[in-house]
Amino acid sequence: MDVKNEILDYASQVLKEEADAVNGIRQYLNEDFVESVETILHSKGRLIVTGIGKSAIIGQKIVATLNSTGTPAVFMHAADAIHGDLGIIQPDDVVLCLSKSGNTPEIAQLTPFLKTNGNVLIAMVGNSESFLAREAKFVLNCSVAREASPNNLAPTCSSTAQLALGDALASTLIKLRGFTPEDFAKLHPGGILGKRLTLKVSDLYKFNDVPMVAPNAPMQQVVLEISGKCLGVTAVVQDRKVIGAITDGDLRRMIERNPDYSRLLAQDVMTKQPKTVSQDALAVDALELMKSKNITNLFVVDDNGEYLGVIHIHDIIKEGIY
């Protein structure tokens, strides 16, 4: 076997072992998981997540997921906890402690304080016979048979199992809280995710000119309207409603077919029943409509179907939504 194939085969084996490890911990989902979810859900305090080493890193990711999905959570490193950071933990808080072995000295020193303080302790542990497992009220077992590293030493399968179980915990809480995309957007106002969930057509189209002509407008007026408004299109409007569209492409095709177009009117050239979008629609939905119809503009209308303006695909793309 050449080196290239050996590398790919081994990498594939690592991924398989980690996938098997995640699949394997499904058998440990039990009443303790249910009680843990319900305790966190009904807690009057926060969820304090703690751990040491690689477990601490996984704990930080779990905290980030929880905070972004409606469950207030704080990360506290177990080593810092026993050197002054215990003040973070309040009596109403629930504590989730991550540890592969469940027997680290920091965890052993932290546990008595939690009992005295009246906190509910949930252990996410890889050793169900460990000190942490014995002391916790609820145990989330994430034991794995071995690590995927060559010497069975570096946390690979074990840390992946912790991460997956943390996702299961967070996602279950999302479902039980009825956490909606709108709720998610409120917590992500600055990023692309937030824009996809909050940015509306009405936030964008108002910056464009409003090209429109009447059905009986002569072609010279149509040409001037399209070129003057710089959107490559004009609406044909009657009684404030869009009844047609004329694009610069329509003009080119018209000239090819009718060199003498001076007697033509807008209604002779327009495409009837063009696509429209509500001003209250999400910009991302407008983008998907444009993509599906292979067009670059949509006419914006209000609740009564009256014409308001035009949104161009570039208006949306420049916001980083694509």
C-alpha atoms as a PDB file:
ATOM      1  CA  MET A   1       0.000   0.000   0.000  1.00  0.00           C
ATOM      2  CA  ASP A   2       1.379   3.433  -0.879  1.00  0.00           C
ATOM      3  CA  VAL A   3       1.597   6.237   1.660  1.00  0.00           C
ATOM      4  CA  LYS A   4      -1.330   8.180   0.207  1.00  0.00           C
ATOM      5  CA  ASN A   5      -3.742   5.271   0.528  1.00  0.00           C
ATOM      6  CA  GLU A   6      -2.404   4.430   3.973  1.00  0.00           C
ATOM      7  CA  ILE A   7      -3.130   7.977   5.163  1.00  0.00           C
ATOM      8  CA  LEU A   8      -6.645   7.965   3.741  1.00  0.00           C
ATOM      9  CA  ASP A   9      -7.419   4.509   5.101  1.00  0.00           C
ATOM     10  CA  TYR A  10      -6.282   5.434   8.596  1.00  0.00           C
ATOM     11  CA  ALA A  11      -8.196   8.718   8.580  1.00  0.00           C
ATOM     12  CA  SER A  12     -11.290   6.822   7.471  1.00  0.00           C
ATOM     13  CA  GLN A  13     -10.805   4.369  10.325  1.00  0.00           C
ATOM     14  CA  VAL A  14     -10.578   7.220  12.858  1.00  0.00           C
ATOM     15  CA  LEU A  15     -13.830   8.704  11.621  1.00  0.00           C
ATOM     16  CA  LYS A  16     -15.512   5.302  11.755  1.00  0.00           C
ATOM     17  CA  GLU A  17     -14.354   4.707  15.312  1.00  0.00           C
ATOM     18  CA  GLU A  18     -15.625   8.112  16.421  1.00  0.00           C
ATOM     19  CA  ALA A  19     -18.951   7.572  14.653  1.00  0.00           C
ATOM     20  CA  ASP A  20     -19.255   4.176  16.349  1.00  0.00           C
ATOM     21  CA  ALA A  21     -18.498   5.790  19.705  1.00  0.00           C
ATOM     22  CA  VAL A  22     -21.279   8.349  19.248  1.00  0.00           C
ATOM     23  CA  ASN A  23     -23.685   5.665  18.118  1.00  0.00           C
ATOM     24  CA  GLY A  24     -22.677   3.529  21.089  1.00  0.00           C
ATOM     25  CA  ILE A  25     -23.648   6.052  23.766  1.00  0.00           C
ATOM     26  CA  ARG A  26     -27.248   5.981  22.582  1.00  0.00           C
ATOM     27  CA  GLN A  27     -27.678   2.853  24.716  1.00  0.00           C
ATOM     28  CA  TYR A  28     -26.941   4.915  27.831  1.00  0.00           C
ATOM     29  CA  LEU A  29     -29.808   7.355  27.346  1.00  0.00           C
ATOM     30  CA  ASN A  30     -32.069   6.682  30.300  1.00  0.00           C
ATOM     31  CA  GLU A  31     -34.159   8.282  33.014  1.00  0.00           C
ATOM     32  CA  ASP A  32     -31.167  10.279  34.233  1.00  0.00           C
ATOM     33  CA  PHE A  33     -31.040  12.062  30.887  1.00  0.00           C
ATOM     34  CA  VAL A  34     -34.757  12.838  31.131  1.00  0.00           C
ATOM     35  CA  GLU A  35     -34.387  14.121  34.709  1.00  0.00           C
ATOM     36  CA  SER A  36     -31.360  16.208  33.727  1.00  0.00           C
ATOM     37  CA  VAL A  37     -33.260  17.892  30.901  1.00  0.00           C
ATOM     38  CA  GLU A  38     -36.281  18.609  33.091  1.00  0.00           C
ATOM     39  CA  THR A  39     -34.110  19.923  35.936  1.00  0.00           C
ATOM     40  CA  ILE A  40     -32.330  22.350  33.616  1.00  0.00           C
ATOM     41  CA  LEU A  41     -35.586  23.318  31.923  1.00  0.00           C
ATOM     42  CA  HIS A  42     -37.342  24.222  35.179  1.00  0.00           C
ATOM     43  CA  SER A  43     -34.332  25.652  37.001  1.00  0.00           C
ATOM     44  CA  LYS A  44     -34.666  29.176  38.379  1.00  0.00           C
ATOM     45  CA  GLY A  45     -30.933  29.640  37.941  1.00  0.00           C
ATOM     46  CA  ARG A  46     -28.390  29.023  35.235  1.00  0.00           C
ATOM     47  CA  LEU A  47     -26.561  25.956  34.039  1.00  0.00           C
ATOM     48  CA  ILE A  48     -22.934  26.060  35.173  1.00  0.00           C
ATOM     49  CA  VAL A  49     -20.757  23.835  32.990  1.00  0.00           C
ATOM     50  CA  THR A  50     -17.367  22.807  34.300  1.00  0.00           C
ATOM     51  CA  GLY A  51     -14.537  20.445  33.513  1.00  0.00           C
ATOM     52  CA  ILE A  52     -10.794  20.228  33.043  1.00  0.00           C
ATOM     53  CA  GLY A  53      -8.502  19.449  30.132  1.00  0.00           C
ATOM     54  CA  LYS A  54     -10.192  18.476  26.873  1.00  0.00           C
ATOM     55  CA  SER A  55     -13.494  18.122  28.721  1.00  0.00           C
ATOM     56  CA  ALA A  56     -13.285  21.817  29.580  1.00  0.00           C
ATOM     57  CA  ILE A  57     -12.948  22.698  25.902  1.00  0.00           C
ATOM     58  CA  ILE A  58     -15.987  20.583  25.037  1.00  0.00           C
ATOM     59  CA  GLY A  59     -17.819  22.228  27.931  1.00  0.00           C
ATOM     60  CA  GLN A  60     -17.211  25.682  26.472  1.00  0.00           C
ATOM     61  CA  LYS A  61     -18.755  24.608  23.187  1.00  0.00           C
ATOM     62  CA  ILE A  62     -21.800  23.198  24.981  1.00  0.00           C
ATOM     63  CA  VAL A  63     -22.200  26.496  26.842  1.00  0.00           C
ATOM     64  CA  ALA A  64     -22.036  28.428  23.567  1.00  0.00           C
ATOM     65  CA  THR A  65     -24.752  26.227  22.059  1.00  0.00           C
ATOM     66  CA  LEU A  66     -26.982  26.541  25.111  1.00  0.00           C
ATOM     67  CA  ASN A  67     -26.675  30.317  25.354  1.00  0.00           C
ATOM     68  CA  SER A  68     -27.472  30.754  21.677  1.00  0.00           C
ATOM     69  CA  THR A  69     -30.611  28.627  21.955  1.00  0.00           C
ATOM     70  CA  GLY A  70     -32.361  29.971  25.030  1.00  0.00           C
ATOM     71  CA  THR A  71     -30.743  28.163  27.969  1.00  0.00           C
ATOM     72  CA  PRO A  72     -28.636  30.547  30.124  1.00  0.00           C
ATOM     73  CA  ALA A  73     -25.292  28.853  30.751  1.00  0.00           C
ATOM     74  CA  VAL A  74     -21.886  29.809  32.142  1.00  0.00           C
ATOM     75  CA  PHE A  75     -18.575  27.987  31.778  1.00  0.00           C
ATOM     76  CA  MET A  76     -16.349  27.683  34.835  1.00  0.00           C
ATOM     77  CA  HIS A  77     -13.032  25.884  34.600  1.00  0.00           C
ATOM     78  CA  ALA A  78     -12.750  23.333  37.393  1.00  0.00           C
ATOM     79  CA  ALA A  79      -9.194  24.405  38.248  1.00  0.00           C
ATOM     80  CA  ASP A  80     -10.242  28.043  38.554  1.00  0.00           C
ATOM     81  CA  ALA A  81     -13.285  27.057  40.593  1.00  0.00           C
ATOM     82  CA  ILE A  82     -11.193  25.789  43.477  1.00  0.00           C
ATOM     83  CA  HIS A  83      -8.984  28.885  43.340  1.00  0.00           C
ATOM     84  CA  GLY A  84     -11.607  31.582  43.793  1.00  0.00           C
ATOM     85  CA  ASP A  85     -14.208  31.282  41.041  1.00  0.00           C
ATOM     86  CA  LEU A  86     -16.739  29.369  43.123  1.00  0.00           C
ATOM     87  CA  GLY A  87     -18.551  32.651  43.666  1.00  0.00           C
ATOM     88  CA  ILE A  88     -19.933  32.238  40.154  1.00  0.00           C
ATOM     89  CA  ILE A  89     -22.181  29.428  41.381  1.00  0.00           C
ATOM     90  CA  GLN A  90     -25.432  30.486  43.045  1.00  0.00           C
ATOM     91  CA  PRO A  91     -27.730  28.142  45.016  1.00  0.00           C
ATOM     92  CA  ASP A  92     -30.358  27.940  42.251  1.00  0.00           C
ATOM     93  CA  ASP A  93     -27.823  26.993  39.597  1.00  0.00           C
ATOM     94  CA  VAL A  94     -27.554  23.504  38.141  1.00  0.00           C
ATOM     95  CA  VAL A  95     -24.009  22.235  37.586  1.00  0.00           C
ATOM     96  CA  LEU A  96     -22.995  20.007  34.672  1.00  0.00           C
ATOM     97  CA  CYS A  97     -19.546  18.515  35.183  1.00  0.00           C
ATOM     98  CA  LEU A  98     -17.684  16.880  32.281  1.00  0.00           C
ATOM     99  CA  SER A  99     -14.927  14.380  32.946  1.00  0.00           C
ATOM    100  CA  LYS A 100     -13.661  11.304  31.159  1.00  0.00           C
ATOM    101  CA  SER A 101     -12.259   9.630  34.257  1.00  0.00           C
ATOM    102  CA  GLY A 102     -14.513  11.226  36.852  1.00  0.00           C
ATOM    103  CA  ASN A 103     -11.656  11.030  39.361  1.00  0.00           C
ATOM    104  CA  THR A 104      -9.601  14.197  38.843  1.00  0.00           C
ATOM    105  CA  PRO A 105      -8.476  16.039  42.023  1.00  0.00           C
ATOM    106  CA  GLU A 106     -10.170  19.279  40.952  1.00  0.00           C
ATOM    107  CA  ILE A 107     -13.525  17.541  40.628  1.00  0.00           C
ATOM    108  CA  ALA A 108     -13.052  15.877  44.009  1.00  0.00           C
ATOM    109  CA  GLN A 109     -12.449  19.270  45.645  1.00  0.00           C
ATOM    110  CA  LEU A 110     -15.343  20.951  43.843  1.00  0.00           C
ATOM    111  CA  THR A 111     -18.017  18.396  44.694  1.00  0.00           C
ATOM    112  CA  PRO A 112     -18.312  19.022  48.484  1.00  0.00           C
ATOM    113  CA  PHE A 113     -18.933  22.719  47.859  1.00  0.00           C
ATOM    114  CA  LEU A 114     -21.750  21.919  45.458  1.00  0.00           C
ATOM    115  CA  LYS A 115     -23.420  19.685  48.021  1.00  0.00           C
ATOM    116  CA  THR A 116     -23.131  22.335  50.735  1.00  0.00           C
ATOM    117  CA  ASN A 117     -24.397  24.985  48.344  1.00  0.00           C
ATOM    118  CA  GLY A 118     -27.465  22.895  47.449  1.00  0.00           C
ATOM    119  CA  ASN A 119     -26.720  22.667  43.727  1.00  0.00           C
ATOM    120  CA  VAL A 120     -27.972  19.808  41.579  1.00  0.00           C
ATOM    121  CA  LEU A 121     -24.927  18.073  40.110  1.00  0.00           C
ATOM    122  CA  ILE A 122     -25.161  16.368  36.713  1.00  0.00           C
ATOM    123  CA  ALA A 123     -22.164  14.272  35.677  1.00  0.00           C
ATOM    124  CA  MET A 124     -21.265  13.722  32.033  1.00  0.00           C
ATOM    125  CA  VAL A 125     -18.691  11.072  32.641  1.00  0.00           C
ATOM    126  CA  GLY A 126     -16.846   8.283  30.866  1.00  0.00           C
ATOM    127  CA  ASN A 127     -16.544   6.101  33.959  1.00  0.00           C
ATOM    128  CA  SER A 128     -19.820   5.165  35.614  1.00  0.00           C
ATOM    129  CA  GLU A 129     -17.973   3.781  38.654  1.00  0.00           C
ATOM    130  CA  SER A 130     -15.992   6.965  39.293  1.00  0.00           C
ATOM    131  CA  PHE A 131     -16.107   9.387  42.212  1.00  0.00           C
ATOM    132  CA  LEU A 132     -18.004  11.931  40.125  1.00  0.00           C
ATOM    133  CA  ALA A 133     -20.610   9.390  39.030  1.00  0.00           C
ATOM    134  CA  ARG A 134     -21.187   8.331  42.635  1.00  0.00           C
ATOM    135  CA  GLU A 135     -21.561  11.889  43.908  1.00  0.00           C
ATOM    136  CA  ALA A 136     -23.761  13.287  41.118  1.00  0.00           C
ATOM    137  CA  LYS A 137     -27.548  13.310  41.318  1.00  0.00           C
ATOM    138  CA  PHE A 138     -27.816  12.414  37.634  1.00  0.00           C
ATOM    139  CA  VAL A 139     -25.290  10.606  35.454  1.00  0.00           C
ATOM    140  CA  LEU A 140     -24.992  11.026  31.693  1.00  0.00           C
ATOM    141  CA  ASN A 141     -22.858   8.088  30.710  1.00  0.00           C
ATOM    142  CA  CYS A 142     -20.616   8.702  27.694  1.00  0.00           C
ATOM    143  CA  SER A 143     -18.248   5.761  28.096  1.00  0.00           C
ATOM    144  CA  VAL A 144     -16.331   4.652  25.023  1.00  0.00           C
ATOM    145  CA  ALA A 145     -14.444   1.431  24.414  1.00  0.00           C
ATOM    146  CA  ARG A 146     -11.228   3.112  23.282  1.00  0.00           C
ATOM    147  CA  GLU A 147      -9.819   6.266  21.753  1.00  0.00           C
ATOM    148  CA  ALA A 148      -9.233   6.541  18.023  1.00  0.00           C
ATOM    149  CA  SER A 149      -5.628   7.660  18.460  1.00  0.00           C
ATOM    150  CA  PRO A 150      -2.875   5.105  17.641  1.00  0.00           C
ATOM    151  CA  ASN A 151      -1.900   4.612  21.293  1.00  0.00           C
ATOM    152  CA  ASN A 152      -5.405   4.841  22.736  1.00  0.00           C
ATOM    153  CA  LEU A 153      -4.345   7.946  24.632  1.00  0.00           C
ATOM    154  CA  ALA A 154      -5.401  11.232  23.037  1.00  0.00           C
ATOM    155  CA  PRO A 155      -9.065  12.123  23.723  1.00  0.00           C
ATOM    156  CA  THR A 156     -10.801  11.521  20.411  1.00  0.00           C
ATOM    157  CA  CYS A 157     -13.737   9.164  20.722  1.00  0.00           C
ATOM    158  CA  SER A 158     -14.346  10.304  24.304  1.00  0.00           C
ATOM    159  CA  SER A 159     -14.385  14.021  23.505  1.00  0.00           C
ATOM    160  CA  THR A 160     -16.532  13.449  20.421  1.00  0.00           C
ATOM    161  CA  ALA A 161     -18.997  11.470  22.542  1.00  0.00           C
ATOM    162  CA  GLN A 162     -19.150  14.319  25.074  1.00  0.00           C
ATOM    163  CA  LEU A 163     -19.755  16.833  22.316  1.00  0.00           C
ATOM    164  CA  ALA A 164     -22.536  14.757  20.770  1.00  0.00           C
ATOM    165  CA  LEU A 165     -24.217  14.156  24.125  1.00  0.00           C
ATOM    166  CA  GLY A 166     -24.029  17.882  24.838  1.00  0.00           C
ATOM    167  CA  ASP A 167     -25.712  18.554  21.512  1.00  0.00           C
ATOM    168  CA  ALA A 168     -28.418  16.032  22.387  1.00  0.00           C
ATOM    169  CA  LEU A 169     -28.978  17.826  25.689  1.00  0.00           C
ATOM    170  CA  ALA A 170     -29.110  21.283  24.086  1.00  0.00           C
ATOM    171  CA  SER A 171     -31.294  20.201  21.178  1.00  0.00           C
ATOM    172  CA  THR A 172     -33.790  18.508  23.495  1.00  0.00           C
ATOM    173  CA  LEU A 173     -34.040  21.723  25.500  1.00  0.00           C
ATOM    174  CA  ILE A 174     -34.609  23.674  22.275  1.00  0.00           C
ATOM    175  CA  LYS A 175     -37.526  21.405  21.423  1.00  0.00           C
ATOM    176  CA  LEU A 176     -39.088  21.539  24.883  1.00  0.00           C
ATOM    177  CA  ARG A 177     -38.763  25.332  25.097  1.00  0.00           C
ATOM    178  CA  GLY A 178     -40.477  25.747  21.744  1.00  0.00           C
ATOM    179  CA  PHE A 179     -37.478  27.809  20.662  1.00  0.00           C
ATOM    180  CA  THR A 180     -38.285  29.279  17.232  1.00  0.00           C
ATOM    181  CA  PRO A 181     -36.190  30.653  14.365  1.00  0.00           C
ATOM    182  CA  GLU A 182     -37.405  34.112  15.438  1.00  0.00           C
ATOM    183  CA  ASP A 183     -36.058  33.486  18.952  1.00  0.00           C
ATOM    184  CA  PHE A 184     -32.775  32.332  17.432  1.00  0.00           C
ATOM    185  CA  ALA A 185     -32.547  35.502  15.352  1.00  0.00           C
ATOM    186  CA  LYS A 186     -32.950  37.706  18.434  1.00  0.00           C
ATOM    187  CA  LEU A 187     -29.826  36.129  19.896  1.00  0.00           C
ATOM    188  CA  HIS A 188     -27.837  36.398  16.638  1.00  0.00           C
ATOM    189  CA  PRO A 189     -28.468  39.959  15.414  1.00  0.00           C
ATOM    190  CA  GLY A 190     -24.986  40.603  14.085  1.00  0.00           C
ATOM    191  CA  GLY A 191     -24.206  37.639  11.892  1.00  0.00           C
ATOM    192  CA  ILE A 192     -25.378  36.102   8.660  1.00  0.00           C
ATOM    193  CA  LEU A 193     -27.681  33.757  10.560  1.00  0.00           C
ATOM    194  CA  GLY A 194     -29.395  36.730  12.145  1.00  0.00           C
ATOM    195  CA  LYS A 195     -29.774  38.482   8.817  1.00  0.00           C
ATOM    196  CA  ARG A 196     -31.249  35.404   7.177  1.00  0.00           C
ATOM    197  CA  LEU A 197     -33.883  35.255   9.909  1.00  0.00           C
ATOM    198  CA  THR A 198     -34.651  38.963  10.330  1.00  0.00           C
ATOM    199  CA  LEU A 199     -33.756  40.984   7.218  1.00  0.00           C
ATOM    200  CA  LYS A 200     -36.910  41.765   5.261  1.00  0.00           C
ATOM    201  CA  VAL A 201     -37.580  42.946   1.740  1.00  0.00           C
ATOM    202  CA  SER A 202     -38.806  46.246   3.213  1.00  0.00           C
ATOM    203  CA  ASP A 203     -35.325  46.861   4.653  1.00  0.00           C
ATOM    204  CA  LEU A 204     -33.789  46.849   1.165  1.00  0.00           C
ATOM    205  CA  TYR A 205     -36.109  47.888  -1.649  1.00  0.00           C
ATOM    206  CA  LYS A 206     -36.592  51.446  -0.350  1.00  0.00           C
ATOM    207  CA  PHE A 207     -33.063  52.365  -1.385  1.00  0.00           C
ATOM    208  CA  ASN A 208     -33.901  51.769  -5.063  1.00  0.00           C
ATOM    209  CA  ASP A 209     -35.739  53.997  -7.497  1.00  0.00           C
ATOM    210  CA  VAL A 210     -39.280  52.986  -8.433  1.00  0.00           C
ATOM    211  CA  PRO A 211     -39.487  52.351 -12.190  1.00  0.00           C
ATOM    212  CA  MET A 212     -42.994  52.250 -13.615  1.00  0.00           C
ATOM    213  CA  VAL A 213     -44.925  53.097 -16.751  1.00  0.00           C
ATOM    214  CA  ALA A 214     -48.566  52.970 -17.735  1.00  0.00           C
ATOM    215  CA  PRO A 215     -49.821  50.238 -20.114  1.00  0.00           C
ATOM    216  CA  ASN A 216     -50.230  52.809 -22.902  1.00  0.00           C
ATOM    217  CA  ALA A 217     -46.772  54.353 -22.456  1.00  0.00           C
ATOM    218  CA  PRO A 218     -44.820  54.683 -25.716  1.00  0.00           C
ATOM    219  CA  MET A 219     -41.623  52.691 -26.075  1.00  0.00           C
ATOM    220  CA  GLN A 220     -39.424  55.759 -25.871  1.00  0.00           C
ATOM    221  CA  GLN A 221     -40.752  56.400 -22.381  1.00  0.00           C
ATOM    222  CA  VAL A 222     -40.207  52.751 -21.462  1.00  0.00           C
ATOM    223  CA  VAL A 223     -36.589  52.887 -22.630  1.00  0.00           C
ATOM    224  CA  LEU A 224     -35.934  56.073 -20.669  1.00  0.00           C
ATOM    225  CA  GLU A 225     -37.553  54.619 -17.534  1.00  0.00           C
ATOM    226  CA  ILE A 226     -35.445  51.452 -17.615  1.00  0.00           C
ATOM    227  CA  SER A 227     -32.187  53.241 -18.344  1.00  0.00           C
ATOM    228  CA  GLY A 228     -32.897  56.095 -15.946  1.00  0.00           C
ATOM    229  CA  LYS A 229     -33.758  53.927 -12.916  1.00  0.00           C
ATOM    230  CA  CYS A 230     -30.736  51.631 -13.467  1.00  0.00           C
ATOM    231  CA  LEU A 231     -32.443  48.408 -12.418  1.00  0.00           C
ATOM    232  CA  GLY A 232     -32.775  46.786 -15.807  1.00  0.00           C
ATOM    233  CA  VAL A 233     -36.558  46.571 -15.496  1.00  0.00           C
ATOM    234  CA  THR A 234     -39.714  48.582 -15.167  1.00  0.00           C
ATOM    235  CA  ALA A 235     -43.134  47.666 -13.873  1.00  0.00           C
ATOM    236  CA  VAL A 236     -46.195  48.254 -15.994  1.00  0.00           C
ATOM    237  CA  VAL A 237     -48.719  49.624 -13.507  1.00  0.00           C
ATOM    238  CA  GLN A 238     -52.473  50.097 -13.720  1.00  0.00           C
ATOM    239  CA  ASP A 239     -54.596  51.219 -10.766  1.00  0.00           C
ATOM    240  CA  ARG A 240     -51.509  50.867  -8.545  1.00  0.00           C
ATOM    241  CA  LYS A 241     -51.217  47.163  -9.392  1.00  0.00           C
ATOM    242  CA  VAL A 242     -48.406  45.525 -11.363  1.00  0.00           C
ATOM    243  CA  ILE A 243     -49.863  44.011 -14.525  1.00  0.00           C
ATOM    244  CA  GLY A 244     -46.620  43.494 -16.428  1.00  0.00           C
ATOM    245  CA  ALA A 245     -42.854  43.755 -16.539  1.00  0.00           C
ATOM    246  CA  ILE A 246     -40.448  44.938 -19.211  1.00  0.00           C
ATOM    247  CA  THR A 247     -36.731  44.196 -18.904  1.00  0.00           C
ATOM    248  CA  ASP A 248     -33.789  45.467 -20.891  1.00  0.00           C
ATOM    249  CA  GLY A 249     -33.655  41.986 -22.406  1.00  0.00           C
ATOM    250  CA  ASP A 250     -37.251  42.431 -23.582  1.00  0.00           C
ATOM    251  CA  LEU A 251     -36.189  45.654 -25.286  1.00  0.00           C
ATOM    252  CA  ARG A 252     -33.337  43.953 -27.140  1.00  0.00           C
ATOM    253  CA  ARG A 253     -35.594  41.174 -28.347  1.00  0.00           C
ATOM    254  CA  MET A 254     -38.244  43.717 -29.376  1.00  0.00           C
ATOM    255  CA  ILE A 255     -35.746  45.622 -31.505  1.00  0.00           C
ATOM    256  CA  GLU A 256     -34.622  42.408 -33.179  1.00  0.00           C
ATOM    257  CA  ARG A 257     -38.209  41.536 -34.088  1.00  0.00           C
ATOM    258  CA  ASN A 258     -39.523  45.047 -34.742  1.00  0.00           C
ATOM    259  CA  PRO A 259     -36.882  47.501 -35.988  1.00  0.00           C
ATOM    260  CA  ASP A 260     -39.668  50.093 -36.271  1.00  0.00           C
ATOM    261  CA  TYR A 261     -41.078  49.982 -32.764  1.00  0.00           C
ATOM    262  CA  SER A 262     -42.196  53.596 -32.532  1.00  0.00           C
ATOM    263  CA  ARG A 263     -45.888  52.620 -32.594  1.00  0.00           C
ATOM    264  CA  LEU A 264     -45.585  49.931 -29.918  1.00  0.00           C
ATOM    265  CA  LEU A 265     -46.837  50.526 -26.393  1.00  0.00           C
ATOM    266  CA  ALA A 266     -45.721  49.065 -23.077  1.00  0.00           C
ATOM    267  CA  GLN A 267     -48.640  46.650 -23.020  1.00  0.00           C
ATOM    268  CA  ASP A 268     -47.525  45.244 -26.390  1.00  0.00           C
ATOM    269  CA  VAL A 269     -44.125  44.224 -25.087  1.00  0.00           C
ATOM    270  CA  MET A 270     -44.635  43.477 -21.419  1.00  0.00           C
ATOM    271  CA  THR A 271     -44.553  40.066 -19.753  1.00  0.00           C
ATOM    272  CA  LYS A 272     -47.884  39.609 -18.042  1.00  0.00           C
ATOM    273  CA  GLN A 273     -48.303  38.560 -14.411  1.00  0.00           C
ATOM    274  CA  PRO A 274     -44.671  39.026 -13.347  1.00  0.00           C
ATOM    275  CA  LYS A 275     -43.398  37.706 -10.028  1.00  0.00           C
ATOM    276  CA  THR A 276     -44.008  39.872  -6.988  1.00  0.00           C
ATOM    277  CA  VAL A 277     -42.974  39.657  -3.354  1.00  0.00           C
ATOM    278  CA  SER A 278     -44.510  41.082  -0.187  1.00  0.00           C
ATOM    279  CA  GLN A 279     -42.618  43.864   1.543  1.00  0.00           C
ATOM    280  CA  ASP A 280     -42.904  41.789   4.742  1.00  0.00           C
ATOM    281  CA  ALA A 281     -41.222  38.721   3.227  1.00  0.00           C
ATOM    282  CA  LEU A 282     -37.764  37.718   4.402  1.00  0.00           C
ATOM    283  CA  ALA A 283     -35.000  38.800   2.052  1.00  0.00           C
ATOM    284  CA  VAL A 284     -33.671  35.239   1.967  1.00  0.00           C
ATOM    285  CA  ASP A 285     -37.050  33.998   0.706  1.00  0.00           C
ATOM    286  CA  ALA A 286     -37.014  36.637  -2.014  1.00  0.00           C
ATOM    287  CA  LEU A 287     -33.546  35.446  -2.996  1.00  0.00           C
ATOM    288  CA  GLU A 288     -34.699  31.838  -3.225  1.00  0.00           C
ATOM    289  CA  LEU A 289     -37.625  32.885  -5.420  1.00  0.00           C
ATOM    290  CA  MET A 290     -35.286  34.745  -7.766  1.00  0.00           C
ATOM    291  CA  LYS A 291     -32.974  31.757  -7.962  1.00  0.00           C
ATOM    292  CA  SER A 292     -35.796  29.320  -8.655  1.00  0.00           C
ATOM    293  CA  LYS A 293     -37.226  31.507 -11.454  1.00  0.00           C
ATOM    294  CA  ASN A 294     -33.802  32.534 -12.811  1.00  0.00           C
ATOM    295  CA  ILE A 295     -34.586  36.243 -12.496  1.00  0.00           C
ATOM    296  CA  THR A 296     -32.726  39.135 -10.916  1.00  0.00           C
ATOM    297  CA  ASN A 297     -35.574  41.424  -9.807  1.00  0.00           C
ATOM    298  CA  LEU A 298     -38.876  41.164  -7.986  1.00  0.00           C
ATOM    299  CA  PHE A 299     -41.613  43.768  -7.778  1.00  0.00           C
ATOM    300  CA  VAL A 300     -42.452  44.606  -4.170  1.00  0.00           C
ATOM    301  CA  VAL A 301     -46.098  44.950  -3.170  1.00  0.00           C
ATOM    302  CA  ASP A 302     -48.005  45.765   0.017  1.00  0.00           C
ATOM    303  CA  ASP A 303     -50.778  43.776   1.692  1.00  0.00           C
ATOM    304  CA  ASN A 304     -53.264  45.074  -0.878  1.00  0.00           C
ATOM    305  CA  GLY A 305     -51.071  44.068  -3.805  1.00  0.00           C
ATOM    306  CA  GLU A 306     -50.219  47.687  -4.629  1.00  0.00           C
ATOM    307  CA  TYR A 307     -46.854  48.377  -6.214  1.00  0.00           C
ATOM    308  CA  LEU A 308     -44.118  49.755  -3.951  1.00  0.00           C
ATOM    309  CA  GLY A 309     -40.826  49.247  -5.764  1.00  0.00           C
ATOM    310  CA  VAL A 310     -38.174  46.772  -6.880  1.00  0.00           C
ATOM    311  CA  ILE A 311     -35.720  44.559  -5.023  1.00  0.00           C
ATOM    312  CA  HIS A 312     -32.666  43.393  -6.970  1.00  0.00           C
ATOM    313  CA  ILE A 313     -30.713  40.227  -6.283  1.00  0.00           C
ATOM    314  CA  HIS A 314     -27.595  42.305  -5.661  1.00  0.00           C
ATOM    315  CA  ASP A 315     -29.401  44.149  -2.836  1.00  0.00           C
ATOM    316  CA  ILE A 316     -29.582  40.858  -0.981  1.00  0.00           C
ATOM    317  CA  ILE A 317     -26.205  39.438  -1.919  1.00  0.00           C
ATOM    318  CA  LYS A 318     -24.360  42.545  -0.697  1.00  0.00           C
ATOM    319  CA  GLU A 319     -25.827  41.857   2.748  1.00  0.00           C
ATOM    320  CA  GLY A 320     -23.935  38.569   2.760  1.00  0.00           C
ATOM    321  CA  ILE A 321     -27.024  36.419   2.205  1.00  0.00           C
ATOM    322  CA  TYR A 322     -26.609  33.954  -0.649  1.00  0.00           C
END
